[in-house]
């Protein structure tokens, strides 16, 4: 009789993999966010931010993973609603308000994140998006949060070459500032 051994990883081990994805994002000049979607203890989607690459502000790691899961379900003739309800999300940074709303609408089973997102966080940091839903999702934060925050700090130390140039003309008066002529 042959037995199959299924290795069940804990959130810390999954987060290590997500942190590797975030490091890939950093090397690619993207905000270092890594994300995994896990179904039946298997990674079925991995994502990075591709905002700079695509020039599309909505291409966050979670949204990229959602697209992959939809393709996965189509390829395997599976009901996407059932898959999402049994899906665990591991992401290095607290999902933003947009991504948190999407994950709650899809009714994922759990969300585990690394560091807080003080600018856009949709779990607790800026807006508690779950209050607008009847969530049955389990949410856990600060899993390897220091490592995730370190990657963000490394990114923001540098200059993002993809940020659009300021359109404010030199010598132009703007509210609350004085103009200096050169």
Foldseek 3Di string as FASTA:
>chain_A
DDDDDDDADDLLVVLVVQQVQLVVCLVVLHQRKKKFKAAPRHTQFIFAACCLVVVNPVRHRLVRRLVSLVVVCVVVVHDQLVRQLRIEMEMAEADFQVSVVVSQVSQHAEYEYAAYDCPGHQCPNPHNNCVVDVHNYHYHYNNNNVSSVVSNVVSVVDDRPSDDDDPDDQQDDDPPDHHDDD
